[in-house]
Every structure is written in C-alpha cells, then in structure tokens.
Amino acid sequence: MSNIIRFLLISIMALSILALLIVYFQSYIPEFHMAKALPLAIVAGLSTIAVAIYEKKK
C-alpha cells in the first residue's frame, strides 16, 4: 500500500511540473497564462511538500 501512495504522490508531482513547464514554454505572456500557471504552481509546490513529508516519515 505504501508503494502505491508513493507512486501516486510522485506521479502527481511530475505531471504538475511537466504541465507547468509546458505553460511557460508556450511563449509565456503573464497576463494571458497566469490563470493556467498559478494553479499549476500551487499544485506542484504542494505535491513537492507532500512527497518530502512522506519520504521523511519513511
């Protein structure tokens, strides 16, 4: 069960970071892409914190 949780946390983190990078490399214009980039940045940051906490508990 713990391997499934670890895999889910890492996959969520990787997908959110990849999506954030895709948004930034689409000729990023802050006024237009902020609606996409801000939620992705929040998800990427929180998932990174979740992975760090989970790995520290192990």
Protein backbone atom coordinates (compact mmCIF):
# COMPACT_ATOMS: atom_id res chain seq x y z
CA MET A 1 0.00 0.00 0.00
CA SER A 2 2.79 2.44 0.80
CA ASN A 3 4.36 1.92 -2.64
CA ILE A 4 1.07 2.89 -4.29
CA ILE A 5 0.87 6.10 -2.26
CA ARG A 6 4.49 6.93 -3.05
CA PHE A 7 3.91 6.30 -6.77
CA LEU A 8 0.77 8.47 -6.78
CA LEU A 9 2.48 11.36 -5.00
CA ILE A 10 5.48 11.29 -7.30
CA SER A 11 3.35 10.97 -10.43
CA ILE A 12 1.16 13.92 -9.38
CA MET A 13 4.27 15.97 -8.72
CA ALA A 14 5.87 15.03 -12.04
CA LEU A 15 2.73 15.70 -14.09
CA SER A 16 2.11 19.08 -12.48
CA ILE A 17 5.70 20.17 -13.00
CA LEU A 18 5.58 18.98 -16.62
CA ALA A 19 2.32 20.85 -17.22
CA LEU A 20 3.79 23.98 -15.65
CA LEU A 21 6.84 23.77 -17.90
CA ILE A 22 4.61 23.37 -20.95
CA VAL A 23 2.69 26.52 -19.99
CA TYR A 24 5.91 28.51 -19.54
CA PHE A 25 7.40 27.39 -22.85
CA GLN A 26 4.28 28.39 -24.84
CA SER A 27 5.63 31.90 -25.41
CA TYR A 28 4.65 32.83 -21.87
CA ILE A 29 2.75 36.08 -21.55
CA PRO A 30 1.92 36.68 -17.88
CA GLU A 31 -1.39 38.40 -18.48
CA PHE A 32 -2.79 35.53 -20.52
CA HIS A 33 -1.21 32.46 -18.97
CA MET A 34 -1.39 33.40 -15.27
CA ALA A 35 -4.78 31.68 -14.98
CA LYS A 36 -3.10 28.41 -16.01
CA ALA A 37 0.28 28.86 -14.37
CA LEU A 38 -0.75 29.87 -10.85
CA PRO A 39 -2.87 26.78 -10.03
CA LEU A 40 -0.24 24.52 -11.56
CA ALA A 41 2.47 26.17 -9.50
CA ILE A 42 0.42 25.71 -6.34
CA VAL A 43 -0.22 22.03 -7.10
CA ALA A 44 3.45 21.47 -7.96
CA GLY A 45 4.61 23.12 -4.76
CA LEU A 46 2.15 21.33 -2.51
CA SER A 47 2.83 17.96 -4.11
CA THR A 48 6.57 18.50 -3.66
CA ILE A 49 5.98 19.23 0.03
CA ALA A 50 3.79 16.12 0.31
CA VAL A 51 6.49 13.94 -1.24
CA ALA A 52 9.11 15.40 1.09
CA ILE A 53 6.98 14.77 4.17
CA TYR A 54 6.11 11.25 3.04
CA GLU A 55 9.74 10.36 2.32
CA LYS A 56 10.91 11.82 5.64
CA LYS A 57 8.40 9.67 7.55
CA LYS A 58 9.73 6.50 5.93
